[in-house]
Amino acid sequence: MNCQDVDAWLPVYEDGELEPGLAAQVQAHLQECPRCRRQVVAMSQVSTRFRMAAYQWPIPGNIEERVRAQVLALRQRQQITRLLGVFLVAVAIVGALEVGLVLSPWGRVVWRFARLTWHLVHGMFMLWALTGTTTLIVIGAICVFLALTGMYGIRRMMRNSLA
């Protein structure tokens, strides 16, 4: 084995991961070649310094907790975004129905209902800005429930007046 071959295998040899047959050949070359021995010593010193440097800067003990907390916060933000999207679609549907009803003969009642729905939605966003996810879900469900029951009530009024 020549110096060029040993140069290719030195990092693996230094790490102790070279297969036994090749390790014996590299060892035999190192006994004969002072230049390659100096290289092994230099590599060993660098490896030792890197290992020592890793111990000089310890990893904070709470790093796992901090990473978990950030992942949880990210998941909560994603969940809020999804819920907000669903809620906005529901509000858009109810809003479209209300616009259609405002133009109908029962426009005054529908207009009052639309204003009520607007105040509920506005209140939901204000509370969402001040609180967390659970409150958003509860308030969103209440707003959707009130909007749907209001629409149902208006529909019944329209049917009764036509009958």
Protein backbone atom coordinates (compact mmCIF):
# COMPACT_ATOMS: atom_id res chain seq x y z
CA MET A 1 0.00 0.00 0.00
CA ASN A 2 1.40 3.42 -0.96
CA CYS A 3 0.94 6.89 0.62
CA GLN A 4 -1.80 7.87 -1.82
CA ASP A 5 -3.88 4.80 -0.88
CA VAL A 6 -3.31 5.43 2.83
CA ASP A 7 -4.37 9.10 2.42
CA ALA A 8 -7.73 7.90 1.09
CA TRP A 9 -8.26 5.51 4.03
CA LEU A 10 -6.87 7.65 6.90
CA PRO A 11 -10.15 9.32 7.98
CA VAL A 12 -11.90 5.94 8.21
CA TYR A 13 -8.85 4.40 9.92
CA GLU A 14 -8.72 7.27 12.45
CA ASP A 15 -12.41 6.74 13.28
CA GLY A 16 -11.77 3.02 13.83
CA GLU A 17 -14.28 2.02 11.18
CA LEU A 18 -11.94 0.44 8.63
CA GLU A 19 -12.43 -3.27 8.04
CA PRO A 20 -9.73 -5.41 9.72
CA GLY A 21 -7.90 -6.48 6.55
CA LEU A 22 -7.47 -2.92 5.29
CA ALA A 23 -6.71 -1.66 8.80
CA ALA A 24 -3.79 -4.11 9.02
CA GLN A 25 -2.42 -2.90 5.66
CA VAL A 26 -2.72 0.77 6.72
CA GLN A 27 -1.05 -0.06 10.07
CA ALA A 28 1.82 -1.78 8.28
CA HIS A 29 2.32 1.26 6.03
CA LEU A 30 2.20 3.64 9.02
CA GLN A 31 5.03 1.69 10.71
CA GLU A 32 7.24 2.30 7.65
CA CYS A 33 6.19 5.87 6.62
CA PRO A 34 6.92 8.84 8.95
CA ARG A 35 4.94 11.28 6.74
CA CYS A 36 1.72 9.26 7.03
CA ARG A 37 2.31 8.79 10.80
CA ARG A 38 2.49 12.60 11.19
CA GLN A 39 -0.78 12.86 9.27
CA VAL A 40 -2.48 10.36 11.60
CA VAL A 41 -1.20 12.26 14.65
CA ALA A 42 -2.45 15.58 13.21
CA MET A 43 -5.88 14.08 12.42
CA SER A 44 -6.07 12.62 15.91
CA GLN A 45 -5.31 16.02 17.46
CA VAL A 46 -7.99 17.73 15.37
CA SER A 47 -10.55 15.06 16.32
CA THR A 48 -9.66 15.45 19.98
CA ARG A 49 -10.06 19.23 19.78
CA PHE A 50 -13.47 18.87 18.17
CA ARG A 51 -14.60 16.44 20.86
CA MET A 52 -13.36 18.78 23.59
CA ALA A 53 -15.07 21.77 21.95
CA ALA A 54 -18.38 19.93 22.01
CA TYR A 55 -18.11 19.65 25.79
CA GLN A 56 -17.30 23.35 26.21
CA TRP A 57 -20.72 24.43 24.95
CA PRO A 58 -23.29 22.26 26.62
CA ILE A 59 -26.73 21.97 25.10
CA PRO A 60 -29.37 23.56 27.35
CA GLY A 61 -31.28 20.98 29.36
CA ASN A 62 -34.66 22.38 28.38
CA ILE A 63 -34.02 22.39 24.62
CA GLU A 64 -36.37 19.45 24.02
CA GLU A 65 -39.17 21.16 25.95
CA ARG A 66 -38.64 24.40 24.03
CA VAL A 67 -38.71 22.64 20.67
CA ARG A 68 -41.86 20.72 21.63
CA ALA A 69 -43.53 23.95 22.78
CA GLN A 70 -42.70 25.67 19.48
CA VAL A 71 -44.00 22.72 17.46
CA LEU A 72 -47.21 22.72 19.52
CA ALA A 73 -47.63 26.47 19.00
CA LEU A 74 -47.14 26.01 15.25
CA ARG A 75 -49.75 23.24 15.15
CA GLN A 76 -52.19 25.42 17.08
CA ARG A 77 -51.65 28.29 14.63
CA GLN A 78 -52.30 25.92 11.73
CA GLN A 79 -55.45 24.63 13.42
CA ILE A 80 -56.66 28.18 14.03
CA THR A 81 -56.06 29.02 10.38
CA ARG A 82 -58.07 25.99 9.23
CA LEU A 83 -60.94 26.76 11.61
CA LEU A 84 -60.94 30.39 10.61
CA GLY A 85 -61.17 29.37 6.95
CA VAL A 86 -64.18 27.13 7.63
CA PHE A 87 -65.84 29.86 9.66
CA LEU A 88 -65.26 32.46 6.95
CA VAL A 89 -66.84 30.19 4.36
CA ALA A 90 -69.89 29.78 6.62
CA VAL A 91 -70.10 33.54 7.13
CA ALA A 92 -69.82 34.10 3.36
CA ILE A 93 -72.68 31.69 2.68
CA VAL A 94 -74.89 33.26 5.34
CA GLY A 95 -73.95 36.72 4.07
CA ALA A 96 -74.90 35.84 0.51
CA LEU A 97 -78.25 34.51 1.69
CA GLU A 98 -78.83 37.63 3.73
CA VAL A 99 -78.10 39.92 0.79
CA GLY A 100 -80.65 38.00 -1.23
CA LEU A 101 -83.19 38.29 1.55
CA VAL A 102 -82.54 41.99 2.14
CA LEU A 103 -83.74 42.62 -1.38
CA SER A 104 -86.94 40.64 -0.66
CA PRO A 105 -90.17 42.04 0.85
CA TRP A 106 -88.91 41.11 4.32
CA GLY A 107 -85.82 43.28 3.92
CA ARG A 108 -86.18 45.22 7.21
CA VAL A 109 -86.20 42.05 9.36
CA VAL A 110 -83.39 40.54 7.37
CA TRP A 111 -81.38 43.75 7.61
CA ARG A 112 -81.63 43.69 11.41
CA PHE A 113 -80.60 40.07 11.41
CA ALA A 114 -77.65 40.89 9.15
CA ARG A 115 -76.52 43.60 11.55
CA LEU A 116 -76.78 41.18 14.45
CA THR A 117 -74.71 38.62 12.57
CA TRP A 118 -72.11 41.27 11.75
CA HIS A 119 -71.82 42.22 15.41
CA LEU A 120 -71.42 38.57 16.37
CA VAL A 121 -68.67 38.04 13.81
CA HIS A 122 -66.92 41.25 14.81
CA GLY A 123 -67.12 40.22 18.46
CA MET A 124 -65.72 36.81 17.60
CA PHE A 125 -62.69 38.37 15.92
CA MET A 126 -62.13 40.72 18.84
CA LEU A 127 -62.25 37.85 21.31
CA TRP A 128 -60.03 35.74 19.07
CA ALA A 129 -57.43 38.50 19.18
CA LEU A 130 -57.55 38.48 22.98
CA THR A 131 -57.83 34.76 23.73
CA GLY A 132 -56.87 31.35 22.42
CA THR A 133 -58.12 28.56 20.21
CA THR A 134 -60.78 27.12 22.49
CA THR A 135 -62.58 30.42 22.75
CA LEU A 136 -62.47 30.81 18.97
CA ILE A 137 -64.12 27.42 18.47
CA VAL A 138 -66.86 28.11 21.01
CA ILE A 139 -67.63 31.61 19.75
CA GLY A 140 -67.51 30.50 16.12
CA ALA A 141 -69.96 27.68 16.85
CA ILE A 142 -72.29 30.08 18.64
CA CYS A 143 -72.17 32.57 15.75
CA VAL A 144 -72.87 29.89 13.17
CA PHE A 145 -75.70 28.51 15.31
CA LEU A 146 -77.28 31.95 15.70
CA ALA A 147 -76.90 32.71 12.00
CA LEU A 148 -78.50 29.42 10.98
CA THR A 149 -81.35 29.66 13.46
CA GLY A 150 -81.97 33.24 12.34
CA MET A 151 -82.06 32.16 8.72
CA TYR A 152 -84.46 29.35 9.63
CA GLY A 153 -86.70 31.83 11.48
CA ILE A 154 -86.74 34.22 8.53
CA ARG A 155 -87.55 31.35 6.18
CA ARG A 156 -90.50 30.30 8.38
CA MET A 157 -91.74 33.90 8.49
CA MET A 158 -91.61 34.06 4.70
CA ARG A 159 -93.44 30.74 4.28
CA ASN A 160 -96.12 31.69 6.82
CA SER A 161 -96.73 35.04 5.16
CA LEU A 162 -97.05 33.41 1.75
CA ALA A 163 -99.43 30.73 2.98
